[in-house]
């Protein structure tokens, strides 16, 4: 494989991994992707998990949610334009 074709390392810095986990957990409290992450959702999540976030951490969660929600329509369009893959026959009988 040529060097130019390599996929860059997308692993987040270790100090960010906790925030990503917090985001994923809080995001599940918001429900479907159409529902934005709000302060009340974060407060509910914090009360449920006994996690207390600083303001800058909450701002990071809001930024992550904005990025996800802005890009989601592009993701759906990309997958809709892909060639459909036929399911494999289940031969586990």
C-alpha atoms as a PDB file:
ATOM      1  CA  UNK A   1       0.000   0.000   0.000  1.00  0.00           C
ATOM      2  CA  UNK A   2       1.359   3.386  -0.931  1.00  0.00           C
ATOM      3  CA  UNK A   3       2.019   5.870   1.833  1.00  0.00           C
ATOM      4  CA  UNK A   4      -0.454   8.364   0.333  1.00  0.00           C
ATOM      5  CA  UNK A   5      -3.284   5.819   0.611  1.00  0.00           C
ATOM      6  CA  UNK A   6      -2.965   5.226   4.338  1.00  0.00           C
ATOM      7  CA  UNK A   7      -5.861   6.234   6.527  1.00  0.00           C
ATOM      8  CA  UNK A   8      -4.703   8.710   9.170  1.00  0.00           C
ATOM      9  CA  UNK A   9      -4.810   7.662  12.805  1.00  0.00           C
ATOM     10  CA  UNK A  10      -8.141   8.872  14.141  1.00  0.00           C
ATOM     11  CA  UNK A  11      -7.710   7.744  17.728  1.00  0.00           C
ATOM     12  CA  UNK A  12      -8.456  10.725  19.965  1.00  0.00           C
ATOM     13  CA  UNK A  13      -5.950  11.859  22.575  1.00  0.00           C
ATOM     14  CA  UNK A  14      -6.346   9.977  25.849  1.00  0.00           C
ATOM     15  CA  UNK A  15      -7.485  13.134  27.669  1.00  0.00           C
ATOM     16  CA  UNK A  16     -10.448  13.348  25.264  1.00  0.00           C
ATOM     17  CA  UNK A  17     -11.594   9.749  25.475  1.00  0.00           C
ATOM     18  CA  UNK A  18     -13.515  10.370  28.692  1.00  0.00           C
ATOM     19  CA  UNK A  19     -15.417  13.252  27.108  1.00  0.00           C
ATOM     20  CA  UNK A  20     -16.302  11.093  24.126  1.00  0.00           C
ATOM     21  CA  UNK A  21     -17.698   8.446  26.475  1.00  0.00           C
ATOM     22  CA  UNK A  22     -19.640  11.129  28.348  1.00  0.00           C
ATOM     23  CA  UNK A  23     -21.002  12.425  25.048  1.00  0.00           C
ATOM     24  CA  UNK A  24     -22.155   8.989  23.907  1.00  0.00           C
ATOM     25  CA  UNK A  25     -23.865   8.362  27.235  1.00  0.00           C
ATOM     26  CA  UNK A  26     -25.524  11.795  27.382  1.00  0.00           C
ATOM     27  CA  UNK A  27     -26.517  11.537  23.712  1.00  0.00           C
ATOM     28  CA  UNK A  28     -28.516   8.400  24.528  1.00  0.00           C
ATOM     29  CA  UNK A  29     -30.588  10.475  26.981  1.00  0.00           C
ATOM     30  CA  UNK A  30     -31.566  12.858  24.161  1.00  0.00           C
ATOM     31  CA  UNK A  31     -33.204  10.087  22.136  1.00  0.00           C
ATOM     32  CA  UNK A  32     -33.251  10.169  18.348  1.00  0.00           C
ATOM     33  CA  UNK A  33     -30.724  12.207  16.379  1.00  0.00           C
ATOM     34  CA  UNK A  34     -33.367  14.868  15.635  1.00  0.00           C
ATOM     35  CA  UNK A  35     -33.406  15.787  19.331  1.00  0.00           C
ATOM     36  CA  UNK A  36     -30.453  18.028  20.144  1.00  0.00           C
ATOM     37  CA  UNK A  37     -28.426  17.618  23.295  1.00  0.00           C
ATOM     38  CA  UNK A  38     -29.735  20.316  25.628  1.00  0.00           C
ATOM     39  CA  UNK A  39     -28.761  21.573  29.045  1.00  0.00           C
ATOM     40  CA  UNK A  40     -31.757  19.808  30.587  1.00  0.00           C
ATOM     41  CA  UNK A  41     -30.703  16.513  28.979  1.00  0.00           C
ATOM     42  CA  UNK A  42     -27.187  16.939  30.335  1.00  0.00           C
ATOM     43  CA  UNK A  43     -28.548  17.783  33.797  1.00  0.00           C
ATOM     44  CA  UNK A  44     -30.744  14.667  33.741  1.00  0.00           C
ATOM     45  CA  UNK A  45     -27.783  12.558  32.638  1.00  0.00           C
ATOM     46  CA  UNK A  46     -25.545  14.051  35.340  1.00  0.00           C
ATOM     47  CA  UNK A  47     -28.144  13.331  38.022  1.00  0.00           C
ATOM     48  CA  UNK A  48     -28.562   9.781  36.773  1.00  0.00           C
ATOM     49  CA  UNK A  49     -24.833   9.016  36.598  1.00  0.00           C
ATOM     50  CA  UNK A  50     -23.579  11.197  39.488  1.00  0.00           C
ATOM     51  CA  UNK A  51     -21.136  12.854  37.077  1.00  0.00           C
ATOM     52  CA  UNK A  52     -20.475  16.548  37.518  1.00  0.00           C
ATOM     53  CA  UNK A  53     -19.164  18.323  34.427  1.00  0.00           C
ATOM     54  CA  UNK A  54     -17.332  21.625  34.313  1.00  0.00           C
ATOM     55  CA  UNK A  55     -18.623  24.290  31.977  1.00  0.00           C
ATOM     56  CA  UNK A  56     -15.878  23.653  29.389  1.00  0.00           C
ATOM     57  CA  UNK A  57     -16.775  19.942  29.368  1.00  0.00           C
ATOM     58  CA  UNK A  58     -20.449  20.731  28.738  1.00  0.00           C
ATOM     59  CA  UNK A  59     -19.419  23.079  25.932  1.00  0.00           C
ATOM     60  CA  UNK A  60     -17.395  20.235  24.387  1.00  0.00           C
ATOM     61  CA  UNK A  61     -20.458  17.959  24.508  1.00  0.00           C
ATOM     62  CA  UNK A  62     -22.565  20.636  22.808  1.00  0.00           C
ATOM     63  CA  UNK A  63     -19.897  21.090  20.113  1.00  0.00           C
ATOM     64  CA  UNK A  64     -19.732  17.330  19.505  1.00  0.00           C
ATOM     65  CA  UNK A  65     -23.505  17.202  19.177  1.00  0.00           C
ATOM     66  CA  UNK A  66     -23.597  20.106  16.725  1.00  0.00           C
ATOM     67  CA  UNK A  67     -20.918  18.413  14.620  1.00  0.00           C
ATOM     68  CA  UNK A  68     -22.776  15.091  14.619  1.00  0.00           C
ATOM     69  CA  UNK A  69     -26.114  16.623  13.766  1.00  0.00           C
ATOM     70  CA  UNK A  70     -24.649  18.805  10.985  1.00  0.00           C
ATOM     71  CA  UNK A  71     -22.891  15.882   9.347  1.00  0.00           C
ATOM     72  CA  UNK A  72     -25.670  13.326   9.763  1.00  0.00           C
ATOM     73  CA  UNK A  73     -27.499  14.208   6.533  1.00  0.00           C
ATOM     74  CA  UNK A  74     -24.219  13.799   4.621  1.00  0.00           C
ATOM     75  CA  UNK A  75     -23.746  10.375   6.180  1.00  0.00           C
ATOM     76  CA  UNK A  76     -27.258   9.335   5.173  1.00  0.00           C
ATOM     77  CA  UNK A  77     -26.759  10.612   1.604  1.00  0.00           C
ATOM     78  CA  UNK A  78     -23.448   8.765   1.326  1.00  0.00           C
ATOM     79  CA  UNK A  79     -24.928   5.475   2.462  1.00  0.00           C
ATOM     80  CA  UNK A  80     -28.006   5.911   0.271  1.00  0.00           C
ATOM     81  CA  UNK A  81     -25.774   6.328  -2.790  1.00  0.00           C
ATOM     82  CA  UNK A  82     -23.696   3.211  -2.076  1.00  0.00           C
ATOM     83  CA  UNK A  83     -24.203   0.045  -4.048  1.00  0.00           C
ATOM     84  CA  UNK A  84     -26.517  -2.246  -2.141  1.00  0.00           C
ATOM     85  CA  UNK A  85     -24.839  -5.338  -0.712  1.00  0.00           C
ATOM     86  CA  UNK A  86     -26.662  -8.649  -0.889  1.00  0.00           C
ATOM     87  CA  UNK A  87     -26.964 -10.449   2.399  1.00  0.00           C
ATOM     88  CA  UNK A  88     -25.062 -13.699   2.688  1.00  0.00           C
ATOM     89  CA  UNK A  89     -27.048 -16.900   2.823  1.00  0.00           C
ATOM     90  CA  UNK A  90     -27.368 -18.197   6.335  1.00  0.00           C
ATOM     91  CA  UNK A  91     -25.637 -21.579   6.173  1.00  0.00           C
ATOM     92  CA  UNK A  92     -25.420 -22.189   9.911  1.00  0.00           C
ATOM     93  CA  UNK A  93     -28.044 -24.938   9.765  1.00  0.00           C
END
